[in-house]
Amino acid sequence: MRTILLLALAVFGIFSCTKAETDITEESPEYRGTMTVIYNGEEFVSENVSVMVGLSEDSATMDMKMLKVKFVPAMPVRIDVLIPGVRVESVSEDGETVVFSGDGIIPYALGGEYRKFVVSGLSGKIENGMLSFDLVFGEYPTSYTGYLL
C-alpha cells in the first residue's frame, strides 16, 4: 500500500509545474554523508547522500537541497528535494558556524510542492566543515550528518 502511495506521489510530482526560487548555486557548499529515515518503525540508512546549502544575501534564511535521495528501499526513483526558507538562528562572526531551524516548510521535489511531506521540527548546525540536522518529513523522522566536500 505504501509503495502505491509513493508511486502516486512521484507521478503527481512529475506533472506538477511549480518551481521554487532558491539561493543555491553551483558554487554553494556541498556536504556528503549519512541519512537515516524511520519508516514503519525501521531505520533505513543511506550513505553518500549529498546536501547543498545556500544562504540568503542577508543570512536570515537558507535553502537546503538534498540530491538524488531515496528515502526508503521501496521508493521507485531517486529525487532531489529542496527545503526552502530555513530560518537561520545565528551565524558566527567568522561565518564558520551556522545554527538553523524550521517548522511547517513545504519542500519541493520533482518540479513542484511536496505538501504531503511538510518539514517540521527541523534543527541543525553547520560547524567545522560538518552539516548535521534532524527533521520530520510528513510523519517520517529523518537525520543527516555530512562533511564538506
N, C-alpha and C. Protein backbone atom coordinates (compact mmCIF):
# COMPACT_ATOMS: atom_id res chain seq x y z
N MET A 1 0.82 -1.19 0.00
CA MET A 1 0.00 0.00 0.00
C MET A 1 0.86 1.26 0.00
N ARG A 2 1.90 1.27 0.84
CA ARG A 2 2.81 2.43 0.90
C ARG A 2 3.53 2.63 -0.43
N THR A 3 3.89 1.52 -1.10
CA THR A 3 4.58 1.61 -2.38
C THR A 3 3.68 2.29 -3.40
N ILE A 4 2.42 1.95 -3.40
CA ILE A 4 1.47 2.57 -4.33
C ILE A 4 1.36 4.06 -4.03
N LEU A 5 1.32 4.43 -2.75
CA LEU A 5 1.26 5.84 -2.37
C LEU A 5 2.50 6.57 -2.86
N LEU A 6 3.68 6.00 -2.67
CA LEU A 6 4.91 6.63 -3.12
C LEU A 6 4.94 6.78 -4.64
N LEU A 7 4.47 5.77 -5.37
CA LEU A 7 4.39 5.87 -6.82
C LEU A 7 3.43 6.98 -7.26
N ALA A 8 2.30 7.07 -6.60
CA ALA A 8 1.33 8.11 -6.93
C ALA A 8 1.92 9.49 -6.68
N LEU A 9 2.63 9.65 -5.57
CA LEU A 9 3.27 10.94 -5.28
C LEU A 9 4.32 11.28 -6.32
N ALA A 10 5.08 10.29 -6.75
CA ALA A 10 6.10 10.52 -7.78
C ALA A 10 5.45 10.97 -9.08
N VAL A 11 4.39 10.30 -9.48
CA VAL A 11 3.69 10.67 -10.72
C VAL A 11 3.10 12.07 -10.59
N PHE A 12 2.50 12.38 -9.46
CA PHE A 12 1.94 13.71 -9.23
C PHE A 12 3.02 14.78 -9.37
N GLY A 13 4.16 14.51 -8.79
CA GLY A 13 5.25 15.48 -8.84
C GLY A 13 5.79 15.69 -10.24
N ILE A 14 5.82 14.66 -11.06
CA ILE A 14 6.33 14.78 -12.42
C ILE A 14 5.45 15.72 -13.23
N PHE A 15 4.15 15.69 -13.00
CA PHE A 15 3.25 16.52 -13.79
C PHE A 15 2.98 17.89 -13.18
N SER A 16 3.55 18.15 -12.02
CA SER A 16 3.41 19.46 -11.41
C SER A 16 4.38 20.42 -12.07
N CYS A 17 4.00 21.68 -12.23
CA CYS A 17 4.88 22.60 -12.95
C CYS A 17 5.39 23.74 -12.08
N THR A 18 5.10 23.78 -10.81
CA THR A 18 5.57 24.84 -9.93
C THR A 18 7.05 24.66 -9.64
N LYS A 19 7.80 25.75 -9.71
CA LYS A 19 9.23 25.71 -9.40
C LYS A 19 9.49 26.66 -8.23
N ALA A 20 10.45 26.31 -7.41
CA ALA A 20 10.81 27.15 -6.27
C ALA A 20 12.03 27.99 -6.60
N GLU A 21 12.04 29.22 -6.13
CA GLU A 21 13.24 30.05 -6.21
C GLU A 21 14.20 29.54 -5.13
N THR A 22 15.49 29.62 -5.40
CA THR A 22 16.44 29.12 -4.42
C THR A 22 17.72 29.95 -4.41
N ASP A 23 18.38 29.96 -3.26
CA ASP A 23 19.66 30.64 -3.11
C ASP A 23 20.82 29.69 -3.39
N ILE A 24 20.54 28.48 -3.83
CA ILE A 24 21.59 27.51 -4.10
C ILE A 24 22.10 27.71 -5.53
N THR A 25 23.42 27.77 -5.66
CA THR A 25 24.07 27.92 -6.95
C THR A 25 25.12 26.82 -7.11
N GLU A 26 25.76 26.79 -8.25
CA GLU A 26 26.82 25.80 -8.47
C GLU A 26 27.97 25.98 -7.47
N GLU A 27 28.14 27.21 -6.95
CA GLU A 27 29.22 27.48 -6.00
C GLU A 27 28.84 27.21 -4.54
N SER A 28 27.59 26.86 -4.31
CA SER A 28 27.14 26.59 -2.93
C SER A 28 27.89 25.41 -2.34
N PRO A 29 28.15 25.47 -1.03
CA PRO A 29 28.83 24.35 -0.39
C PRO A 29 28.01 23.06 -0.50
N GLU A 30 28.73 21.95 -0.69
CA GLU A 30 28.09 20.64 -0.77
C GLU A 30 28.69 19.73 0.30
N TYR A 31 27.81 19.03 0.98
CA TYR A 31 28.20 18.09 2.03
C TYR A 31 27.82 16.68 1.59
N ARG A 32 28.58 15.71 2.03
CA ARG A 32 28.25 14.32 1.72
C ARG A 32 28.28 13.53 3.02
N GLY A 33 27.22 12.73 3.24
CA GLY A 33 27.16 11.99 4.48
C GLY A 33 26.07 10.94 4.52
N THR A 34 25.59 10.70 5.73
CA THR A 34 24.66 9.62 6.01
C THR A 34 23.29 10.17 6.39
N MET A 35 22.24 9.63 5.79
CA MET A 35 20.87 9.99 6.11
C MET A 35 20.18 8.76 6.68
N THR A 36 19.44 8.96 7.77
CA THR A 36 18.68 7.88 8.38
C THR A 36 17.21 8.30 8.44
N VAL A 37 16.34 7.43 7.93
CA VAL A 37 14.90 7.68 7.92
C VAL A 37 14.23 6.58 8.73
N ILE A 38 13.29 6.96 9.61
CA ILE A 38 12.49 5.98 10.35
C ILE A 38 11.19 5.79 9.57
N TYR A 39 10.97 4.58 9.07
CA TYR A 39 9.81 4.26 8.26
C TYR A 39 9.20 2.97 8.78
N ASN A 40 7.94 3.03 9.22
CA ASN A 40 7.25 1.87 9.79
C ASN A 40 8.06 1.23 10.92
N GLY A 41 8.65 2.08 11.74
CA GLY A 41 9.39 1.59 12.91
C GLY A 41 10.78 1.05 12.61
N GLU A 42 11.20 1.08 11.35
CA GLU A 42 12.53 0.59 10.98
C GLU A 42 13.41 1.74 10.53
N GLU A 43 14.72 1.62 10.80
CA GLU A 43 15.69 2.60 10.33
C GLU A 43 16.19 2.22 8.95
N PHE A 44 16.15 3.17 8.02
CA PHE A 44 16.73 2.99 6.70
C PHE A 44 17.87 3.97 6.57
N VAL A 45 19.06 3.45 6.36
CA VAL A 45 20.27 4.26 6.31
C VAL A 45 20.77 4.35 4.87
N SER A 46 21.02 5.57 4.42
CA SER A 46 21.58 5.81 3.09
C SER A 46 22.92 6.50 3.25
N GLU A 47 23.94 5.95 2.61
CA GLU A 47 25.28 6.54 2.64
C GLU A 47 25.50 7.42 1.42
N ASN A 48 26.48 8.29 1.50
CA ASN A 48 26.89 9.16 0.38
C ASN A 48 25.76 10.05 -0.13
N VAL A 49 24.94 10.55 0.77
CA VAL A 49 23.87 11.49 0.41
C VAL A 49 24.46 12.89 0.38
N SER A 50 24.26 13.60 -0.73
CA SER A 50 24.76 14.97 -0.87
C SER A 50 23.68 15.97 -0.54
N VAL A 51 24.09 17.02 0.18
CA VAL A 51 23.20 18.13 0.52
C VAL A 51 23.94 19.43 0.21
N MET A 52 23.29 20.30 -0.55
CA MET A 52 23.85 21.62 -0.83
C MET A 52 23.11 22.65 0.02
N VAL A 53 23.82 23.71 0.40
CA VAL A 53 23.26 24.74 1.26
C VAL A 53 23.54 26.10 0.64
N GLY A 54 22.52 26.97 0.62
CA GLY A 54 22.68 28.33 0.12
C GLY A 54 22.08 29.33 1.07
N LEU A 55 22.91 30.22 1.61
CA LEU A 55 22.44 31.29 2.50
C LEU A 55 21.88 32.44 1.68
N SER A 56 20.83 33.07 2.20
CA SER A 56 20.29 34.27 1.55
C SER A 56 21.31 35.40 1.71
N GLU A 57 21.16 36.45 0.93
CA GLU A 57 22.11 37.57 0.99
C GLU A 57 22.20 38.18 2.37
N ASP A 58 21.08 38.24 3.09
CA ASP A 58 21.10 38.83 4.43
C ASP A 58 21.36 37.80 5.54
N SER A 59 21.61 36.56 5.16
CA SER A 59 21.88 35.45 6.09
C SER A 59 20.74 35.19 7.08
N ALA A 60 19.53 35.62 6.74
CA ALA A 60 18.38 35.38 7.61
C ALA A 60 17.75 34.02 7.36
N THR A 61 17.91 33.52 6.13
CA THR A 61 17.36 32.21 5.77
C THR A 61 18.39 31.46 4.92
N MET A 62 18.12 30.18 4.74
CA MET A 62 18.95 29.38 3.85
C MET A 62 18.09 28.32 3.20
N ASP A 63 18.54 27.83 2.07
CA ASP A 63 17.89 26.73 1.39
C ASP A 63 18.79 25.51 1.50
N MET A 64 18.16 24.34 1.60
CA MET A 64 18.89 23.08 1.63
C MET A 64 18.36 22.21 0.51
N LYS A 65 19.27 21.62 -0.26
CA LYS A 65 18.84 20.75 -1.35
C LYS A 65 19.51 19.39 -1.20
N MET A 66 18.68 18.38 -0.99
CA MET A 66 19.15 17.00 -0.88
C MET A 66 19.15 16.43 -2.29
N LEU A 67 20.30 15.90 -2.73
CA LEU A 67 20.46 15.48 -4.11
C LEU A 67 20.30 13.97 -4.29
N LYS A 68 19.44 13.59 -5.23
CA LYS A 68 19.25 12.19 -5.64
C LYS A 68 19.08 11.25 -4.45
N VAL A 69 18.09 11.59 -3.60
CA VAL A 69 17.84 10.77 -2.41
C VAL A 69 16.75 9.74 -2.67
N LYS A 70 16.88 8.66 -1.97
CA LYS A 70 15.88 7.59 -1.96
C LYS A 70 15.63 7.32 -0.48
N PHE A 71 14.49 7.76 0.01
CA PHE A 71 14.23 7.73 1.45
C PHE A 71 14.04 6.33 2.01
N VAL A 72 13.43 5.45 1.21
CA VAL A 72 13.22 4.06 1.63
C VAL A 72 13.48 3.16 0.43
N PRO A 73 13.83 1.90 0.65
CA PRO A 73 14.11 1.00 -0.47
C PRO A 73 12.96 0.86 -1.46
N ALA A 74 11.71 0.96 -1.00
CA ALA A 74 10.55 0.78 -1.88
C ALA A 74 10.31 1.99 -2.79
N MET A 75 11.00 3.09 -2.54
CA MET A 75 10.81 4.29 -3.35
C MET A 75 11.30 4.01 -4.77
N PRO A 76 10.45 4.26 -5.79
CA PRO A 76 10.78 3.85 -7.15
C PRO A 76 11.87 4.67 -7.84
N VAL A 77 12.09 5.91 -7.41
CA VAL A 77 13.09 6.77 -8.06
C VAL A 77 13.88 7.55 -7.01
N ARG A 78 15.04 8.03 -7.41
CA ARG A 78 15.82 8.95 -6.58
C ARG A 78 15.40 10.36 -6.99
N ILE A 79 15.25 11.24 -6.01
CA ILE A 79 14.78 12.58 -6.30
C ILE A 79 15.65 13.63 -5.60
N ASP A 80 15.62 14.85 -6.14
CA ASP A 80 16.20 16.00 -5.46
C ASP A 80 15.08 16.63 -4.64
N VAL A 81 15.39 17.00 -3.40
CA VAL A 81 14.40 17.62 -2.53
C VAL A 81 14.95 18.96 -2.05
N LEU A 82 14.21 20.03 -2.31
CA LEU A 82 14.59 21.37 -1.87
C LEU A 82 13.78 21.74 -0.64
N ILE A 83 14.47 22.17 0.41
CA ILE A 83 13.82 22.68 1.61
C ILE A 83 14.13 24.17 1.65
N PRO A 84 13.19 25.01 1.21
CA PRO A 84 13.46 26.45 1.10
C PRO A 84 13.15 27.22 2.38
N GLY A 85 13.78 28.37 2.52
CA GLY A 85 13.42 29.31 3.58
C GLY A 85 13.64 28.83 4.99
N VAL A 86 14.69 28.06 5.21
CA VAL A 86 15.02 27.60 6.57
C VAL A 86 15.50 28.80 7.37
N ARG A 87 15.01 28.96 8.57
CA ARG A 87 15.37 30.11 9.42
C ARG A 87 16.78 29.94 9.98
N VAL A 88 17.63 30.94 9.75
CA VAL A 88 18.97 30.95 10.32
C VAL A 88 18.88 31.62 11.69
N GLU A 89 19.20 30.88 12.73
CA GLU A 89 19.14 31.39 14.10
C GLU A 89 20.35 32.24 14.44
N SER A 90 21.53 31.79 14.00
CA SER A 90 22.75 32.55 14.27
C SER A 90 23.85 32.14 13.31
N VAL A 91 24.76 33.09 13.07
CA VAL A 91 25.95 32.85 12.26
C VAL A 91 27.11 33.42 13.06
N SER A 92 28.17 32.64 13.25
CA SER A 92 29.33 33.12 14.00
C SER A 92 30.01 34.25 13.23
N GLU A 93 30.80 35.04 13.94
CA GLU A 93 31.48 36.18 13.31
C GLU A 93 32.34 35.76 12.13
N ASP A 94 32.97 34.60 12.23
CA ASP A 94 33.83 34.13 11.14
C ASP A 94 33.02 33.41 10.05
N GLY A 95 31.71 33.25 10.25
CA GLY A 95 30.85 32.61 9.27
C GLY A 95 30.98 31.10 9.21
N GLU A 96 31.77 30.53 10.10
CA GLU A 96 32.03 29.09 10.07
C GLU A 96 30.96 28.27 10.78
N THR A 97 30.19 28.89 11.67
CA THR A 97 29.14 28.17 12.40
C THR A 97 27.79 28.81 12.09
N VAL A 98 26.86 27.98 11.65
CA VAL A 98 25.51 28.43 11.34
C VAL A 98 24.54 27.50 12.08
N VAL A 99 23.64 28.09 12.86
CA VAL A 99 22.60 27.33 13.56
C VAL A 99 21.28 27.66 12.88
N PHE A 100 20.49 26.63 12.57
CA PHE A 100 19.26 26.85 11.82
C PHE A 100 18.12 25.99 12.34
N SER A 101 16.89 26.39 11.96
CA SER A 101 15.70 25.64 12.38
C SER A 101 14.56 25.94 11.41
N GLY A 102 13.50 25.17 11.54
CA GLY A 102 12.34 25.41 10.70
C GLY A 102 11.17 24.52 11.07
N ASP A 103 9.99 24.98 10.73
CA ASP A 103 8.78 24.23 11.01
C ASP A 103 7.71 24.63 10.00
N GLY A 104 6.98 23.67 9.50
CA GLY A 104 5.91 23.96 8.55
C GLY A 104 6.41 24.37 7.17
N ILE A 105 7.58 23.86 6.77
CA ILE A 105 8.15 24.20 5.47
C ILE A 105 7.68 23.19 4.42
N ILE A 106 7.17 23.71 3.33
CA ILE A 106 6.73 22.84 2.24
C ILE A 106 7.94 22.60 1.33
N PRO A 107 8.39 21.35 1.24
CA PRO A 107 9.53 21.06 0.37
C PRO A 107 9.10 20.97 -1.10
N TYR A 108 10.08 21.05 -1.99
CA TYR A 108 9.84 20.90 -3.42
C TYR A 108 10.58 19.67 -3.91
N ALA A 109 9.94 18.91 -4.78
CA ALA A 109 10.56 17.75 -5.39
C ALA A 109 9.85 17.47 -6.71
N LEU A 110 10.58 16.95 -7.67
CA LEU A 110 10.02 16.58 -8.97
C LEU A 110 9.27 17.74 -9.63
N GLY A 111 9.78 18.96 -9.44
CA GLY A 111 9.22 20.13 -10.11
C GLY A 111 8.09 20.84 -9.40
N GLY A 112 7.69 20.40 -8.21
CA GLY A 112 6.59 21.08 -7.55
C GLY A 112 6.59 20.90 -6.05
N GLU A 113 5.59 21.50 -5.41
CA GLU A 113 5.45 21.38 -3.96
C GLU A 113 5.16 19.93 -3.58
N TYR A 114 5.72 19.51 -2.46
CA TYR A 114 5.52 18.16 -1.94
C TYR A 114 4.79 18.29 -0.59
N ARG A 115 3.54 18.76 -0.64
CA ARG A 115 2.77 19.08 0.57
C ARG A 115 2.55 17.89 1.50
N LYS A 116 2.54 16.69 0.98
CA LYS A 116 2.35 15.50 1.81
C LYS A 116 3.48 15.33 2.82
N PHE A 117 4.65 15.91 2.49
CA PHE A 117 5.84 15.72 3.32
C PHE A 117 6.35 17.04 3.90
N VAL A 118 5.43 17.82 4.49
CA VAL A 118 5.80 19.09 5.11
C VAL A 118 6.88 18.83 6.15
N VAL A 119 7.90 19.69 6.14
CA VAL A 119 9.03 19.58 7.07
C VAL A 119 8.67 20.22 8.39
N SER A 120 8.83 19.47 9.47
CA SER A 120 8.61 20.01 10.81
C SER A 120 9.77 19.62 11.71
N GLY A 121 9.91 20.35 12.80
CA GLY A 121 10.93 20.03 13.80
C GLY A 121 12.35 20.07 13.28
N LEU A 122 12.61 20.88 12.27
CA LEU A 122 13.96 20.97 11.71
C LEU A 122 14.87 21.73 12.66
N SER A 123 15.99 21.13 12.99
CA SER A 123 17.02 21.83 13.77
C SER A 123 18.37 21.28 13.34
N GLY A 124 19.34 22.18 13.22
CA GLY A 124 20.65 21.72 12.80
C GLY A 124 21.72 22.77 12.93
N LYS A 125 22.92 22.36 12.47
CA LYS A 125 24.08 23.21 12.61
C LYS A 125 25.10 22.88 11.54
N ILE A 126 25.79 23.91 11.09
CA ILE A 126 26.98 23.75 10.26
C ILE A 126 28.13 24.24 11.13
N GLU A 127 29.12 23.36 11.32
CA GLU A 127 30.25 23.74 12.18
C GLU A 127 31.45 22.86 11.86
N ASN A 128 32.62 23.49 11.75
CA ASN A 128 33.87 22.77 11.49
C ASN A 128 33.76 21.85 10.26
N GLY A 129 33.11 22.35 9.20
CA GLY A 129 33.00 21.58 7.97
C GLY A 129 32.01 20.43 8.03
N MET A 130 31.15 20.43 9.04
CA MET A 130 30.16 19.36 9.18
C MET A 130 28.76 19.95 9.21
N LEU A 131 27.84 19.34 8.47
CA LEU A 131 26.43 19.70 8.47
C LEU A 131 25.68 18.58 9.16
N SER A 132 24.88 18.93 10.16
CA SER A 132 24.05 17.92 10.81
C SER A 132 22.67 18.52 11.08
N PHE A 133 21.65 17.70 10.88
CA PHE A 133 20.29 18.16 11.17
C PHE A 133 19.36 16.99 11.40
N ASP A 134 18.26 17.30 12.08
CA ASP A 134 17.15 16.39 12.30
C ASP A 134 15.89 17.10 11.84
N LEU A 135 14.96 16.33 11.28
CA LEU A 135 13.68 16.89 10.86
C LEU A 135 12.68 15.75 10.72
N VAL A 136 11.45 16.12 10.46
CA VAL A 136 10.41 15.14 10.18
C VAL A 136 9.81 15.51 8.82
N PHE A 137 9.88 14.58 7.85
CA PHE A 137 9.22 14.74 6.55
C PHE A 137 7.85 14.11 6.67
N GLY A 138 6.80 14.93 6.71
CA GLY A 138 5.46 14.37 6.90
C GLY A 138 5.39 13.70 8.25
N GLU A 139 5.45 12.38 8.27
CA GLU A 139 5.44 11.63 9.53
C GLU A 139 6.72 10.81 9.72
N TYR A 140 7.75 11.09 8.89
CA TYR A 140 8.94 10.26 8.91
C TYR A 140 10.16 11.01 9.48
N PRO A 141 10.57 10.66 10.70
CA PRO A 141 11.77 11.27 11.29
C PRO A 141 13.00 10.97 10.43
N THR A 142 13.80 12.00 10.21
CA THR A 142 14.97 11.88 9.35
C THR A 142 16.12 12.63 10.00
N SER A 143 17.32 12.05 9.92
CA SER A 143 18.51 12.73 10.43
C SER A 143 19.61 12.64 9.38
N TYR A 144 20.54 13.59 9.45
CA TYR A 144 21.61 13.66 8.46
C TYR A 144 22.87 14.20 9.13
N THR A 145 24.00 13.62 8.77
CA THR A 145 25.31 14.14 9.15
C THR A 145 26.22 13.99 7.96
N GLY A 146 26.82 15.11 7.53
CA GLY A 146 27.71 15.07 6.37
C GLY A 146 28.86 16.03 6.51
N TYR A 147 29.88 15.82 5.71
CA TYR A 147 31.09 16.63 5.75
C TYR A 147 31.28 17.39 4.44
N LEU A 148 31.82 18.59 4.52
CA LEU A 148 32.06 19.46 3.39
C LEU A 148 32.98 18.77 2.39
N LEU A 149 32.58 18.81 1.13
CA LEU A 149 33.44 18.24 0.07
C LEU A 149 34.53 19.21 -0.30
